[in-house]
Amino acid sequence: MDQLFTIGQLSKIYDIKIPTLRYYDEVGILKPAKVDSESHYRYYSTAEFERLNVIKYLRALDVPISDIKNFFDARDISTLENMLKKQQVEVERQIKTLQAINGRITSRLKQVKDAEGSTLGKIEYLNLPETPIVYLRKDYHLSEDIEIPLTALRRKYGLDQAIFLGKIALSLSKRNILDNKFDEYSGILLILESGDERQATSKLPAGSYLRIRFHGTHEDAAPAYLQLKKYCDDYLLTIIEDAVEITLIDYGITNDYDKYVTEIRLPVR
């Protein structure tokens, strides 16, 4: 008679946890050669070793248990080929997803490094490309809780909360800038990154902008707006659209207030 191995021995030989072997029995992909009628102990023969080798190989390829069971039920070459082709498609999809995640990580590291190296209080004249955004026209005052309109934005467009980190901006209307009302915003927007464009509801137009970065958050923006207005007067520039105000480094990234950086982009001509 073939030598029999307990489930504990099989677990050690193949470095597979006992609950996993029990699960394989329950779903029908690895039945023991014998089950003691009184103790209900499972015993395995060497005939199960080959089957377990196949299971381990397919699981290493991340093939689902259901597909493995279908393969064992059919046990033919065409079923194996179809199963592996199906899994190959899934792996390629996962690779694309991971590449997109890696691209976002690289982009975020670059953004944080750029923000950390900012020259604060310096006005720059830039030509910026078109930028996809999700926009919610919503009056917002700095005294209000920003999480309420953010929740409205997420619900309205079915957005995942995870994609909000570090990309939220406020829009300040041209009229309020001219009237020196720097704490009354006209909208909230999410600046999208590469790969998010399909969710865009609007775009920040390409064109000429004045950009300034300052220490602090939205509550500290008023002096920067006054500085931008003076620059426009000095260089005969006209404000043509609403400003966009972006916190580059804030409480979502660090507890150190001294490192907070906010950016204002002001469209001009």
C-alpha atoms as a PDB file:
ATOM      1  CA  MET A   1       0.000   0.000   0.000  1.00  0.00           C
ATOM      2  CA  ASP A   2       1.232   3.508  -0.788  1.00  0.00           C
ATOM      3  CA  GLN A   3       2.696   5.444   2.095  1.00  0.00           C
ATOM      4  CA  LEU A   4       0.202   7.891   3.564  1.00  0.00           C
ATOM      5  CA  PHE A   5       0.983  11.345   4.912  1.00  0.00           C
ATOM      6  CA  THR A   6      -0.986  13.327   7.443  1.00  0.00           C
ATOM      7  CA  ILE A   7      -2.197  16.797   6.555  1.00  0.00           C
ATOM      8  CA  GLY A   8       0.439  18.173   8.948  1.00  0.00           C
ATOM      9  CA  GLN A   9       3.209  16.297   7.159  1.00  0.00           C
ATOM     10  CA  LEU A  10       1.962  17.446   3.759  1.00  0.00           C
ATOM     11  CA  SER A  11       1.841  21.009   5.072  1.00  0.00           C
ATOM     12  CA  LYS A  12       5.518  20.834   6.062  1.00  0.00           C
ATOM     13  CA  ILE A  13       6.643  19.130   2.844  1.00  0.00           C
ATOM     14  CA  TYR A  14       5.014  21.756   0.624  1.00  0.00           C
ATOM     15  CA  ASP A  15       5.165  24.712   2.986  1.00  0.00           C
ATOM     16  CA  ILE A  16       1.413  25.196   2.701  1.00  0.00           C
ATOM     17  CA  LYS A  17      -0.733  26.094   5.686  1.00  0.00           C
ATOM     18  CA  ILE A  18      -3.093  23.409   6.964  1.00  0.00           C
ATOM     19  CA  PRO A  19      -6.203  25.643   6.592  1.00  0.00           C
ATOM     20  CA  THR A  20      -5.273  26.088   2.914  1.00  0.00           C
ATOM     21  CA  LEU A  21      -5.098  22.322   2.386  1.00  0.00           C
ATOM     22  CA  ARG A  22      -8.468  21.939   4.095  1.00  0.00           C
ATOM     23  CA  TYR A  23      -9.882  24.640   1.827  1.00  0.00           C
ATOM     24  CA  TYR A  24      -8.518  22.835  -1.256  1.00  0.00           C
ATOM     25  CA  ASP A  25     -10.405  19.730  -0.037  1.00  0.00           C
ATOM     26  CA  GLU A  26     -13.625  21.694   0.540  1.00  0.00           C
ATOM     27  CA  VAL A  27     -13.626  23.236  -2.951  1.00  0.00           C
ATOM     28  CA  GLY A  28     -12.742  19.906  -4.540  1.00  0.00           C
ATOM     29  CA  ILE A  29      -9.331  20.508  -6.094  1.00  0.00           C
ATOM     30  CA  LEU A  30      -7.288  18.333  -3.706  1.00  0.00           C
ATOM     31  CA  LYS A  31      -9.103  15.470  -2.045  1.00  0.00           C
ATOM     32  CA  PRO A  32      -7.182  13.291   0.454  1.00  0.00           C
ATOM     33  CA  ALA A  33      -6.588   9.644  -0.410  1.00  0.00           C
ATOM     34  CA  LYS A  34      -8.238   8.615   2.830  1.00  0.00           C
ATOM     35  CA  VAL A  35     -10.260  10.153   5.641  1.00  0.00           C
ATOM     36  CA  ASP A  36     -10.461   8.286   8.935  1.00  0.00           C
ATOM     37  CA  SER A  37     -14.129   7.609   9.620  1.00  0.00           C
ATOM     38  CA  GLU A  38     -13.757   8.110  13.365  1.00  0.00           C
ATOM     39  CA  SER A  39     -11.133  10.833  13.777  1.00  0.00           C
ATOM     40  CA  HIS A  40     -11.861  12.511  10.402  1.00  0.00           C
ATOM     41  CA  TYR A  41      -8.106  12.935   9.936  1.00  0.00           C
ATOM     42  CA  ARG A  42      -7.074  13.450   6.324  1.00  0.00           C
ATOM     43  CA  TYR A  43      -4.325  11.285   4.793  1.00  0.00           C
ATOM     44  CA  TYR A  44      -2.589  11.891   1.483  1.00  0.00           C
ATOM     45  CA  SER A  45      -0.686   9.557  -0.807  1.00  0.00           C
ATOM     46  CA  THR A  46       2.081  10.417  -3.251  1.00  0.00           C
ATOM     47  CA  ALA A  47      -0.602  10.449  -5.968  1.00  0.00           C
ATOM     48  CA  GLU A  48      -1.809  13.775  -4.509  1.00  0.00           C
ATOM     49  CA  PHE A  49       1.729  15.223  -4.664  1.00  0.00           C
ATOM     50  CA  GLU A  50       1.628  15.708  -8.429  1.00  0.00           C
ATOM     51  CA  ARG A  51      -1.773  17.369  -8.240  1.00  0.00           C
ATOM     52  CA  LEU A  52      -0.566  19.680  -5.476  1.00  0.00           C
ATOM     53  CA  ASN A  53       2.487  20.586  -7.570  1.00  0.00           C
ATOM     54  CA  VAL A  54       0.128  21.682 -10.367  1.00  0.00           C
ATOM     55  CA  ILE A  55      -1.998  23.666  -7.912  1.00  0.00           C
ATOM     56  CA  LYS A  56       1.062  25.453  -6.501  1.00  0.00           C
ATOM     57  CA  TYR A  57       2.276  26.267 -10.007  1.00  0.00           C
ATOM     58  CA  LEU A  58      -1.081  27.689 -11.097  1.00  0.00           C
ATOM     59  CA  ARG A  59      -1.524  29.633  -7.853  1.00  0.00           C
ATOM     60  CA  ALA A  60       1.965  31.106  -8.382  1.00  0.00           C
ATOM     61  CA  LEU A  61       0.554  32.412 -11.681  1.00  0.00           C
ATOM     62  CA  ASP A  62      -2.345  33.855  -9.659  1.00  0.00           C
ATOM     63  CA  VAL A  63      -4.868  31.641 -11.441  1.00  0.00           C
ATOM     64  CA  PRO A  64      -8.179  31.717  -9.519  1.00  0.00           C
ATOM     65  CA  ILE A  65      -9.269  28.620  -7.608  1.00  0.00           C
ATOM     66  CA  SER A  66     -12.435  28.359  -9.716  1.00  0.00           C
ATOM     67  CA  ASP A  67     -10.373  28.178 -12.936  1.00  0.00           C
ATOM     68  CA  ILE A  68      -8.095  25.553 -11.406  1.00  0.00           C
ATOM     69  CA  LYS A  69     -11.130  23.443 -10.496  1.00  0.00           C
ATOM     70  CA  ASN A  70     -12.492  23.759 -14.036  1.00  0.00           C
ATOM     71  CA  PHE A  71      -9.135  22.631 -15.392  1.00  0.00           C
ATOM     72  CA  PHE A  72      -9.022  19.553 -13.161  1.00  0.00           C
ATOM     73  CA  ASP A  73     -12.632  18.713 -14.064  1.00  0.00           C
ATOM     74  CA  ALA A  74     -11.807  18.868 -17.797  1.00  0.00           C
ATOM     75  CA  ARG A  75      -8.152  17.814 -17.625  1.00  0.00           C
ATOM     76  CA  ASP A  76      -7.266  18.546 -21.236  1.00  0.00           C
ATOM     77  CA  ILE A  77      -4.790  20.686 -23.148  1.00  0.00           C
ATOM     78  CA  SER A  78      -7.349  23.110 -24.617  1.00  0.00           C
ATOM     79  CA  THR A  79      -8.714  23.905 -21.149  1.00  0.00           C
ATOM     80  CA  LEU A  80      -5.174  24.570 -19.901  1.00  0.00           C
ATOM     81  CA  GLU A  81      -4.407  26.812 -22.880  1.00  0.00           C
ATOM     82  CA  ASN A  82      -7.618  28.807 -22.481  1.00  0.00           C
ATOM     83  CA  MET A  83      -7.048  29.176 -18.745  1.00  0.00           C
ATOM     84  CA  LEU A  84      -3.480  30.433 -19.220  1.00  0.00           C
ATOM     85  CA  LYS A  85      -4.485  32.815 -22.023  1.00  0.00           C
ATOM     86  CA  LYS A  86      -7.231  34.221 -19.811  1.00  0.00           C
ATOM     87  CA  GLN A  87      -4.765  34.671 -16.974  1.00  0.00           C
ATOM     88  CA  GLN A  88      -2.255  36.309 -19.314  1.00  0.00           C
ATOM     89  CA  VAL A  89      -4.834  38.949 -20.242  1.00  0.00           C
ATOM     90  CA  GLU A  90      -5.493  39.595 -16.537  1.00  0.00           C
ATOM     91  CA  VAL A  91      -1.764  39.876 -15.794  1.00  0.00           C
ATOM     92  CA  GLU A  92      -1.306  42.376 -18.630  1.00  0.00           C
ATOM     93  CA  ARG A  93      -4.187  44.409 -17.215  1.00  0.00           C
ATOM     94  CA  GLN A  94      -2.543  44.383 -13.776  1.00  0.00           C
ATOM     95  CA  ILE A  95       0.780  45.441 -15.306  1.00  0.00           C
ATOM     96  CA  LYS A  96      -0.879  48.470 -16.925  1.00  0.00           C
ATOM     97  CA  THR A  97      -2.533  49.343 -13.618  1.00  0.00           C
ATOM     98  CA  LEU A  98       0.770  49.100 -11.742  1.00  0.00           C
ATOM     99  CA  GLN A  99       2.540  51.158 -14.413  1.00  0.00           C
ATOM    100  CA  ALA A 100      -0.105  53.869 -14.010  1.00  0.00           C
ATOM    101  CA  ILE A 101       0.311  53.765 -10.219  1.00  0.00           C
ATOM    102  CA  ASN A 102       4.078  53.974 -10.596  1.00  0.00           C
ATOM    103  CA  GLY A 103       3.657  56.983 -12.878  1.00  0.00           C
ATOM    104  CA  ARG A 104       1.482  58.715 -10.279  1.00  0.00           C
ATOM    105  CA  ILE A 105       4.001  57.991  -7.547  1.00  0.00           C
ATOM    106  CA  THR A 106       6.791  59.445  -9.685  1.00  0.00           C
ATOM    107  CA  SER A 107       4.652  62.486 -10.480  1.00  0.00           C
ATOM    108  CA  ARG A 108       3.746  63.049  -6.825  1.00  0.00           C
ATOM    109  CA  LEU A 109       7.369  62.755  -5.683  1.00  0.00           C
ATOM    110  CA  LYS A 110       8.339  65.307  -8.339  1.00  0.00           C
ATOM    111  CA  GLN A 111       5.538  67.667  -7.244  1.00  0.00           C
ATOM    112  CA  VAL A 112       6.491  67.477  -3.558  1.00  0.00           C
ATOM    113  CA  LYS A 113      10.183  67.983  -4.347  1.00  0.00           C
ATOM    114  CA  ASP A 114       9.323  70.960  -6.557  1.00  0.00           C
ATOM    115  CA  ALA A 115       7.117  72.469  -3.826  1.00  0.00           C
ATOM    116  CA  GLU A 116       9.834  71.977  -1.197  1.00  0.00           C
ATOM    117  CA  GLY A 117      12.304  73.855  -3.405  1.00  0.00           C
ATOM    118  CA  SER A 118       9.961  76.773  -4.130  1.00  0.00           C
ATOM    119  CA  THR A 119      11.170  80.349  -3.981  1.00  0.00           C
ATOM    120  CA  LEU A 120       8.361  81.861  -1.940  1.00  0.00           C
ATOM    121  CA  GLY A 121       6.975  85.302  -2.725  1.00  0.00           C
ATOM    122  CA  LYS A 122       8.446  85.392  -6.252  1.00  0.00           C
ATOM    123  CA  ILE A 123       6.075  86.142  -9.144  1.00  0.00           C
ATOM    124  CA  GLU A 124       6.681  84.191 -12.358  1.00  0.00           C
ATOM    125  CA  TYR A 125       5.187  84.809 -15.802  1.00  0.00           C
ATOM    126  CA  LEU A 126       4.438  81.413 -17.361  1.00  0.00           C
ATOM    127  CA  ASN A 127       2.761  79.879 -20.370  1.00  0.00           C
ATOM    128  CA  LEU A 128       0.907  76.851 -19.019  1.00  0.00           C
ATOM    129  CA  PRO A 129      -0.703  74.002 -20.984  1.00  0.00           C
ATOM    130  CA  GLU A 130      -4.364  73.064 -20.861  1.00  0.00           C
ATOM    131  CA  THR A 131      -5.138  71.168 -17.650  1.00  0.00           C
ATOM    132  CA  PRO A 132      -8.064  68.732 -17.165  1.00  0.00           C
ATOM    133  CA  ILE A 133     -10.111  69.275 -14.022  1.00  0.00           C
ATOM    134  CA  VAL A 134     -13.309  68.280 -12.238  1.00  0.00           C
ATOM    135  CA  TYR A 135     -15.090  71.496 -11.243  1.00  0.00           C
ATOM    136  CA  LEU A 136     -17.897  72.240  -8.835  1.00  0.00           C
ATOM    137  CA  ARG A 137     -19.303  75.777  -8.934  1.00  0.00           C
ATOM    138  CA  LYS A 138     -19.960  76.355  -5.282  1.00  0.00           C
ATOM    139  CA  ASP A 139     -19.621  79.476  -3.162  1.00  0.00           C
ATOM    140  CA  TYR A 140     -17.227  78.760  -0.339  1.00  0.00           C
ATOM    141  CA  HIS A 141     -16.022  80.948   2.511  1.00  0.00           C
ATOM    142  CA  LEU A 142     -12.853  80.202   4.448  1.00  0.00           C
ATOM    143  CA  SER A 143     -14.847  80.073   7.688  1.00  0.00           C
ATOM    144  CA  GLU A 144     -16.733  77.007   6.381  1.00  0.00           C
ATOM    145  CA  ASP A 145     -15.737  73.345   6.590  1.00  0.00           C
ATOM    146  CA  ILE A 146     -14.259  72.452   3.195  1.00  0.00           C
ATOM    147  CA  GLU A 147     -15.081  68.760   3.632  1.00  0.00           C
ATOM    148  CA  ILE A 148     -18.779  69.477   2.992  1.00  0.00           C
ATOM    149  CA  PRO A 149     -18.346  70.824  -0.576  1.00  0.00           C
ATOM    150  CA  LEU A 150     -15.654  68.193  -1.210  1.00  0.00           C
ATOM    151  CA  THR A 151     -18.165  65.493  -0.334  1.00  0.00           C
ATOM    152  CA  ALA A 152     -20.653  67.126  -2.708  1.00  0.00           C
ATOM    153  CA  LEU A 153     -18.012  67.092  -5.451  1.00  0.00           C
ATOM    154  CA  ARG A 154     -17.243  63.414  -4.893  1.00  0.00           C
ATOM    155  CA  ARG A 155     -20.907  62.425  -4.885  1.00  0.00           C
ATOM    156  CA  LYS A 156     -21.846  64.494  -7.907  1.00  0.00           C
ATOM    157  CA  TYR A 157     -19.159  62.960 -10.108  1.00  0.00           C
ATOM    158  CA  GLY A 158     -18.759  59.563  -8.431  1.00  0.00           C
ATOM    159  CA  LEU A 159     -15.123  60.166  -7.584  1.00  0.00           C
ATOM    160  CA  ASP A 160     -12.924  57.962  -5.440  1.00  0.00           C
ATOM    161  CA  GLN A 161     -11.861  59.788  -2.277  1.00  0.00           C
ATOM    162  CA  ALA A 162      -8.331  58.405  -2.624  1.00  0.00           C
ATOM    163  CA  ILE A 163      -7.551  60.483  -5.719  1.00  0.00           C
ATOM    164  CA  PHE A 164      -8.021  63.769  -3.858  1.00  0.00           C
ATOM    165  CA  LEU A 165      -4.734  63.818  -1.962  1.00  0.00           C
ATOM    166  CA  GLY A 166      -2.831  67.006  -2.718  1.00  0.00           C
ATOM    167  CA  LYS A 167      -4.777  67.980  -5.861  1.00  0.00           C
ATOM    168  CA  ILE A 168      -7.631  70.082  -4.491  1.00  0.00           C
ATOM    169  CA  ALA A 169      -7.793  73.716  -5.556  1.00  0.00           C
ATOM    170  CA  LEU A 170     -10.114  76.675  -5.037  1.00  0.00           C
ATOM    171  CA  SER A 171     -11.128  79.199  -7.664  1.00  0.00           C
ATOM    172  CA  LEU A 172     -11.335  82.877  -6.776  1.00  0.00           C
ATOM    173  CA  SER A 173     -13.413  84.945  -9.174  1.00  0.00           C
ATOM    174  CA  LYS A 174     -11.934  87.816 -11.130  1.00  0.00           C
ATOM    175  CA  ARG A 175     -14.573  90.095  -9.576  1.00  0.00           C
ATOM    176  CA  ASN A 176     -13.601  89.177  -6.021  1.00  0.00           C
ATOM    177  CA  ILE A 177      -9.920  89.694  -6.810  1.00  0.00           C
ATOM    178  CA  LEU A 178     -10.638  93.179  -8.129  1.00  0.00           C
ATOM    179  CA  ASP A 179     -12.814  93.888  -5.062  1.00  0.00           C
ATOM    180  CA  ASN A 180     -10.154  92.566  -2.653  1.00  0.00           C
ATOM    181  CA  LYS A 181     -12.460  89.803  -1.387  1.00  0.00           C
ATOM    182  CA  PHE A 182      -9.850  87.104  -0.964  1.00  0.00           C
ATOM    183  CA  ASP A 183     -11.783  84.792   1.358  1.00  0.00           C
ATOM    184  CA  GLU A 184     -14.901  84.233  -0.764  1.00  0.00           C
ATOM    185  CA  TYR A 185     -14.344  81.532  -3.387  1.00  0.00           C
ATOM    186  CA  SER A 186     -16.570  80.686  -6.334  1.00  0.00           C
ATOM    187  CA  GLY A 187     -15.690  77.040  -6.872  1.00  0.00           C
ATOM    188  CA  ILE A 188     -13.788  73.939  -5.865  1.00  0.00           C
ATOM    189  CA  LEU A 189     -11.866  71.858  -8.352  1.00  0.00           C
ATOM    190  CA  LEU A 190      -9.808  68.718  -8.600  1.00  0.00           C
ATOM    191  CA  ILE A 191      -6.727  68.961 -10.794  1.00  0.00           C
ATOM    192  CA  LEU A 192      -6.401  65.665 -12.650  1.00  0.00           C
ATOM    193  CA  GLU A 193      -3.195  63.808 -13.364  1.00  0.00           C
ATOM    194  CA  SER A 194      -2.201  61.691 -16.339  1.00  0.00           C
ATOM    195  CA  GLY A 195      -4.607  58.767 -16.535  1.00  0.00           C
ATOM    196  CA  ASP A 196      -7.476  60.657 -14.885  1.00  0.00           C
ATOM    197  CA  GLU A 197      -8.473  62.666 -17.967  1.00  0.00           C
ATOM    198  CA  ARG A 198     -11.538  60.524 -18.659  1.00  0.00           C
ATOM    199  CA  GLN A 199     -13.143  61.941 -15.511  1.00  0.00           C
ATOM    200  CA  ALA A 200     -12.636  65.582 -16.499  1.00  0.00           C
ATOM    201  CA  THR A 201     -15.677  67.854 -16.564  1.00  0.00           C
ATOM    202  CA  SER A 202     -13.780  70.959 -17.606  1.00  0.00           C
ATOM    203  CA  LYS A 203     -10.303  72.310 -18.341  1.00  0.00           C
ATOM    204  CA  LEU A 204      -8.099  75.150 -17.217  1.00  0.00           C
ATOM    205  CA  PRO A 205      -7.272  76.868 -20.500  1.00  0.00           C
ATOM    206  CA  ALA A 206      -3.769  77.047 -21.872  1.00  0.00           C
ATOM    207  CA  GLY A 207      -2.285  80.515 -21.823  1.00  0.00           C
ATOM    208  CA  SER A 208      -0.356  83.127 -19.884  1.00  0.00           C
ATOM    209  CA  TYR A 209      -0.406  83.032 -16.106  1.00  0.00           C
ATOM    210  CA  LEU A 210       1.211  84.781 -13.217  1.00  0.00           C
ATOM    211  CA  ARG A 211       2.254  82.285 -10.571  1.00  0.00           C
ATOM    212  CA  ILE A 212       3.259  82.921  -6.998  1.00  0.00           C
ATOM    213  CA  ARG A 213       3.955  80.503  -4.168  1.00  0.00           C
ATOM    214  CA  PHE A 214       3.745  81.501  -0.531  1.00  0.00           C
ATOM    215  CA  HIS A 215       4.108  79.987   2.912  1.00  0.00           C
ATOM    216  CA  GLY A 216       0.815  78.902   4.431  1.00  0.00           C
ATOM    217  CA  THR A 217      -2.615  77.839   3.243  1.00  0.00           C
ATOM    218  CA  HIS A 218      -5.703  79.549   1.784  1.00  0.00           C
ATOM    219  CA  GLU A 219      -6.102  81.591   4.971  1.00  0.00           C
ATOM    220  CA  ASP A 220      -2.745  83.262   4.230  1.00  0.00           C
ATOM    221  CA  ALA A 221      -3.403  84.105   0.562  1.00  0.00           C
ATOM    222  CA  ALA A 222      -4.487  87.766   0.749  1.00  0.00           C
ATOM    223  CA  PRO A 223      -0.989  89.351   0.698  1.00  0.00           C
ATOM    224  CA  ALA A 224      -0.056  87.226  -2.328  1.00  0.00           C
ATOM    225  CA  TYR A 225      -3.124  88.450  -4.233  1.00  0.00           C
ATOM    226  CA  LEU A 226      -2.248  92.050  -3.432  1.00  0.00           C
ATOM    227  CA  GLN A 227       1.270  91.392  -4.684  1.00  0.00           C
ATOM    228  CA  LEU A 228      -0.112  89.926  -7.921  1.00  0.00           C
ATOM    229  CA  LYS A 229      -2.437  92.896  -8.462  1.00  0.00           C
ATOM    230  CA  LYS A 230       0.428  95.341  -7.983  1.00  0.00           C
ATOM    231  CA  TYR A 231       2.524  93.366 -10.468  1.00  0.00           C
ATOM    232  CA  CYS A 232      -0.292  93.612 -13.018  1.00  0.00           C
ATOM    233  CA  ASP A 233      -0.482  97.378 -12.500  1.00  0.00           C
ATOM    234  CA  ASP A 234       3.281  97.791 -12.763  1.00  0.00           C
ATOM    235  CA  TYR A 235       3.580  95.743 -15.967  1.00  0.00           C
ATOM    236  CA  LEU A 236       0.261  96.755 -17.574  1.00  0.00           C
ATOM    237  CA  LEU A 237      -1.223  93.255 -17.424  1.00  0.00           C
ATOM    238  CA  THR A 238      -4.958  92.534 -17.358  1.00  0.00           C
ATOM    239  CA  ILE A 239      -6.567  89.822 -15.244  1.00  0.00           C
ATOM    240  CA  ILE A 240      -8.759  87.873 -17.667  1.00  0.00           C
ATOM    241  CA  GLU A 241     -10.164  84.891 -15.683  1.00  0.00           C
ATOM    242  CA  ASP A 242     -10.611  83.498 -12.196  1.00  0.00           C
ATOM    243  CA  ALA A 243      -7.518  82.601 -10.185  1.00  0.00           C
ATOM    244  CA  VAL A 244      -6.721  79.027  -9.151  1.00  0.00           C
ATOM    245  CA  GLU A 245      -5.349  78.500  -5.659  1.00  0.00           C
ATOM    246  CA  ILE A 246      -3.656  75.174  -4.886  1.00  0.00           C
ATOM    247  CA  THR A 247      -2.233  73.930  -1.603  1.00  0.00           C
ATOM    248  CA  LEU A 248       0.924  72.039  -2.612  1.00  0.00           C
ATOM    249  CA  ILE A 249       1.990  71.069   0.908  1.00  0.00           C
ATOM    250  CA  ASP A 250      -0.453  71.187   3.812  1.00  0.00           C
ATOM    251  CA  TYR A 251      -1.848  69.075   6.666  1.00  0.00           C
ATOM    252  CA  GLY A 252      -2.557  66.227   4.257  1.00  0.00           C
ATOM    253  CA  ILE A 253       1.196  65.720   3.851  1.00  0.00           C
ATOM    254  CA  THR A 254       2.856  67.085   6.995  1.00  0.00           C
ATOM    255  CA  ASN A 255       2.113  68.318  10.503  1.00  0.00           C
ATOM    256  CA  ASP A 256       4.894  70.904  10.196  1.00  0.00           C
ATOM    257  CA  TYR A 257       3.134  74.204   9.437  1.00  0.00           C
ATOM    258  CA  ASP A 258       6.473  75.817   8.588  1.00  0.00           C
ATOM    259  CA  LYS A 259       6.617  73.646   5.469  1.00  0.00           C
ATOM    260  CA  TYR A 260       3.156  74.544   4.111  1.00  0.00           C
ATOM    261  CA  VAL A 261       3.224  75.912   0.545  1.00  0.00           C
ATOM    262  CA  THR A 262       0.317  77.248  -1.500  1.00  0.00           C
ATOM    263  CA  GLU A 263       0.327  78.338  -5.151  1.00  0.00           C
ATOM    264  CA  ILE A 264      -1.816  80.913  -6.985  1.00  0.00           C
ATOM    265  CA  ARG A 265      -2.179  80.868 -10.764  1.00  0.00           C
ATOM    266  CA  LEU A 266      -3.679  84.055 -12.227  1.00  0.00           C
ATOM    267  CA  PRO A 267      -4.620  84.175 -15.947  1.00  0.00           C
ATOM    268  CA  VAL A 268      -3.456  87.427 -17.576  1.00  0.00           C
ATOM    269  CA  ARG A 269      -2.773  89.080 -20.876  1.00  0.00           C
END
